[in-house]
C-alpha atoms as a PDB file:
ATOM      1  CA  MET A   1     133.667-123.717 129.365  1.00  0.00           C
ATOM      2  CA  ILE A   2     135.535-121.045 129.407  1.00  0.00           C
ATOM      3  CA  LYS A   3     136.060-119.385 132.188  1.00  0.00           C
ATOM      4  CA  SER A   4     138.067-116.306 131.378  1.00  0.00           C
ATOM      5  CA  VAL A   5     138.720-114.550 128.237  1.00  0.00           C
ATOM      6  CA  GLU A   6     141.584-111.535 127.907  1.00  0.00           C
ATOM      7  CA  VAL A   7     141.009-108.939 126.066  1.00  0.00           C
ATOM      8  CA  LYS A   8     142.456-106.319 124.866  1.00  0.00           C
ATOM      9  CA  LEU A   9     141.354-102.690 123.692  1.00  0.00           C
ATOM     10  CA  SER A  10     143.456-100.341 120.672  1.00  0.00           C
ATOM     11  CA  LEU A  11     142.670 -96.869 119.759  1.00  0.00           C
ATOM     12  CA  LEU A  12     142.598 -96.663 116.254  1.00  0.00           C
ATOM     13  CA  HIS A  13     141.166 -92.729 116.214  1.00  0.00           C
ATOM     14  CA  SER A  14     139.814 -91.081 118.954  1.00  0.00           C
ATOM     15  CA  THR A  15     135.783 -91.881 118.284  1.00  0.00           C
ATOM     16  CA  VAL A  16     136.823 -95.843 117.458  1.00  0.00           C
ATOM     17  CA  VAL A  17     138.662 -98.433 119.618  1.00  0.00           C
ATOM     18  CA  ALA A  18     139.242-102.532 118.262  1.00  0.00           C
ATOM     19  CA  ILE A  19     138.487-105.268 120.849  1.00  0.00           C
ATOM     20  CA  SER A  20     140.893-108.107 120.091  1.00  0.00           C
ATOM     21  CA  ALA A  21     140.980-111.619 122.174  1.00  0.00           C
ATOM     22  CA  GLY A  22     144.662-113.006 121.701  1.00  0.00           C
ATOM     23  CA  ASP A  23     145.214-111.898 118.549  1.00  0.00           C
ATOM     24  CA  GLN A  24     142.601-111.840 116.997  1.00  0.00           C
ATOM     25  CA  VAL A  25     140.239-108.754 116.429  1.00  0.00           C
ATOM     26  CA  ILE A  26     136.589-109.619 117.569  1.00  0.00           C
ATOM     27  CA  GLY A  27     134.982-106.362 117.312  1.00  0.00           C
ATOM     28  CA  TYR A  28     135.490-102.108 117.400  1.00  0.00           C
ATOM     29  CA  ILE A  29     133.466 -99.221 119.322  1.00  0.00           C
ATOM     30  CA  ALA A  30     132.199 -96.326 117.888  1.00  0.00           C
ATOM     31  CA  LYS A  31     131.105 -93.520 119.054  1.00  0.00           C
ATOM     32  CA  ILE A  32     127.847 -92.476 117.125  1.00  0.00           C
ATOM     33  CA  GLU A  33     125.268 -89.709 117.057  1.00  0.00           C
ATOM     34  CA  ASN A  34     123.565 -91.147 119.711  1.00  0.00           C
ATOM     35  CA  ALA A  35     122.180 -89.863 122.979  1.00  0.00           C
ATOM     36  CA  GLU A  36     120.567 -93.292 124.787  1.00  0.00           C
ATOM     37  CA  LYS A  37     123.026 -95.785 123.100  1.00  0.00           C
ATOM     38  CA  PRO A  38     126.229 -93.751 122.047  1.00  0.00           C
ATOM     39  CA  HIS A  39     128.748 -97.070 121.334  1.00  0.00           C
ATOM     40  CA  ALA A  40     127.928 -98.675 118.293  1.00  0.00           C
ATOM     41  CA  LEU A  41     129.343-102.226 118.308  1.00  0.00           C
ATOM     42  CA  VAL A  42     130.888-102.791 114.795  1.00  0.00           C
ATOM     43  CA  SER A  43     131.950-107.308 113.229  1.00  0.00           C
ATOM     44  CA  PRO A  44     135.333-107.832 112.209  1.00  0.00           C
ATOM     45  CA  SER A  45     133.540-108.235 109.162  1.00  0.00           C
ATOM     46  CA  GLY A  46     131.853-104.422 108.886  1.00  0.00           C
ATOM     47  CA  HIS A  47     128.480-105.332 110.118  1.00  0.00           C
ATOM     48  CA  ASP A  48     126.457-103.298 112.679  1.00  0.00           C
ATOM     49  CA  ALA A  49     125.908-105.655 115.728  1.00  0.00           C
ATOM     50  CA  GLY A  50     124.061-103.385 118.218  1.00  0.00           C
ATOM     51  CA  GLU A  51     124.061 -99.911 119.797  1.00  0.00           C
ATOM     52  CA  PHE A  52     124.599 -99.693 123.919  1.00  0.00           C
ATOM     53  CA  ASP A  53     124.503 -97.320 126.205  1.00  0.00           C
ATOM     54  CA  CYS A  54     127.281 -97.787 127.904  1.00  0.00           C
ATOM     55  CA  PRO A  55     131.456 -99.400 126.347  1.00  0.00           C
ATOM     56  CA  GLN A  56     131.131-102.253 129.009  1.00  0.00           C
ATOM     57  CA  CYS A  57     128.397-103.648 127.647  1.00  0.00           C
ATOM     58  CA  ALA A  58     129.466-103.101 124.045  1.00  0.00           C
ATOM     59  CA  ILE A  59     132.442-105.231 125.071  1.00  0.00           C
ATOM     60  CA  ASP A  60     130.184-108.132 126.720  1.00  0.00           C
ATOM     61  CA  ALA A  61     128.230-108.427 123.249  1.00  0.00           C
ATOM     62  CA  ALA A  62     131.769-108.427 121.301  1.00  0.00           C
ATOM     63  CA  VAL A  63     133.111-111.588 123.929  1.00  0.00           C
ATOM     64  CA  ARG A  64     129.488-113.096 123.369  1.00  0.00           C
ATOM     65  CA  ALA A  65     129.515-113.231 119.853  1.00  0.00           C
ATOM     66  CA  HIS A  66     133.222-113.959 119.242  1.00  0.00           C
ATOM     67  CA  PHE A  67     133.126-117.008 121.442  1.00  0.00           C
ATOM     68  CA  ASP A  68     128.782-117.874 121.226  1.00  0.00           C
ATOM     69  CA  ILE A  69     128.427-117.552 125.083  1.00  0.00           C
ATOM     70  CA  PRO A  70     124.452-117.485 125.620  1.00  0.00           C
ATOM     71  CA  GLY A  71     122.568-114.348 126.509  1.00  0.00           C
ATOM     72  CA  ASP A  72     121.867-116.077 129.997  1.00  0.00           C
ATOM     73  CA  THR A  73     125.583-117.284 131.280  1.00  0.00           C
ATOM     74  CA  PRO A  74     127.152-114.741 133.315  1.00  0.00           C
ATOM     75  CA  THR A  75     130.034-111.991 132.676  1.00  0.00           C
ATOM     76  CA  GLY A  76     131.962-109.886 134.619  1.00  0.00           C
ATOM     77  CA  PHE A  77     135.160-107.857 134.056  1.00  0.00           C
ATOM     78  CA  GLU A  78     137.882-107.440 135.525  1.00  0.00           C
ATOM     79  CA  ILE A  79     140.873-105.222 134.814  1.00  0.00           C
ATOM     80  CA  LYS A  80     144.474-106.965 135.100  1.00  0.00           C
ATOM     81  CA  GLY A  81     148.128-106.468 134.454  1.00  0.00           C
ATOM     82  CA  ARG A  82     150.517-102.816 135.366  1.00  0.00           C
ATOM     83  CA  THR A  83     148.668-100.231 135.008  1.00  0.00           C
ATOM     84  CA  SER A  84     150.090 -98.466 132.550  1.00  0.00           C
ATOM     85  CA  PRO A  85     149.847 -94.282 131.508  1.00  0.00           C
ATOM     86  CA  LYS A  86     148.224 -95.579 128.085  1.00  0.00           C
ATOM     87  CA  LYS A  87     145.932 -98.357 129.580  1.00  0.00           C
ATOM     88  CA  LEU A  88     144.816 -95.273 132.156  1.00  0.00           C
ATOM     89  CA  LEU A  89     144.191 -93.020 128.812  1.00  0.00           C
ATOM     90  CA  LEU A  90     142.141 -95.547 126.943  1.00  0.00           C
ATOM     91  CA  LEU A  91     140.139 -96.276 129.988  1.00  0.00           C
ATOM     92  CA  ALA A  92     139.752 -92.493 130.553  1.00  0.00           C
ATOM     93  CA  LEU A  93     138.632 -92.044 126.672  1.00  0.00           C
ATOM     94  CA  LEU A  94     135.951 -94.622 127.286  1.00  0.00           C
ATOM     95  CA  MET A  95     134.567 -93.480 130.137  1.00  0.00           C
ATOM     96  CA  MET A  96     134.137 -90.338 128.787  1.00  0.00           C
ATOM     97  CA  LEU A  97     132.607 -91.637 125.981  1.00  0.00           C
ATOM     98  CA  ALA A  98     130.520 -93.422 127.988  1.00  0.00           C
ATOM     99  CA  GLU A  99     129.219 -89.667 129.952  1.00  0.00           C
ATOM    100  CA  GLU A 100     128.786 -87.921 126.560  1.00  0.00           C
END
């Protein structure tokens, strides 16, 4: 069983973030015009993987799909490492997108 996974987020465009695990992209989050679920998850192959109410839910879905983690298995998030201005900017952007 996987106990921890390091996930990195890379801002590709003002409305698109790449989600990576190791050196592999496992999905993309895009801001969409949906008031209830404004965050779309796109698989690395370009397929629609769902719409979510917050970036964390989309990241969780990407990790679950990539590592084949069942929906009933609990997961959680923790931000590790030194906080850099770039990381703070990305987190602020994700929070801003979640609020819109």
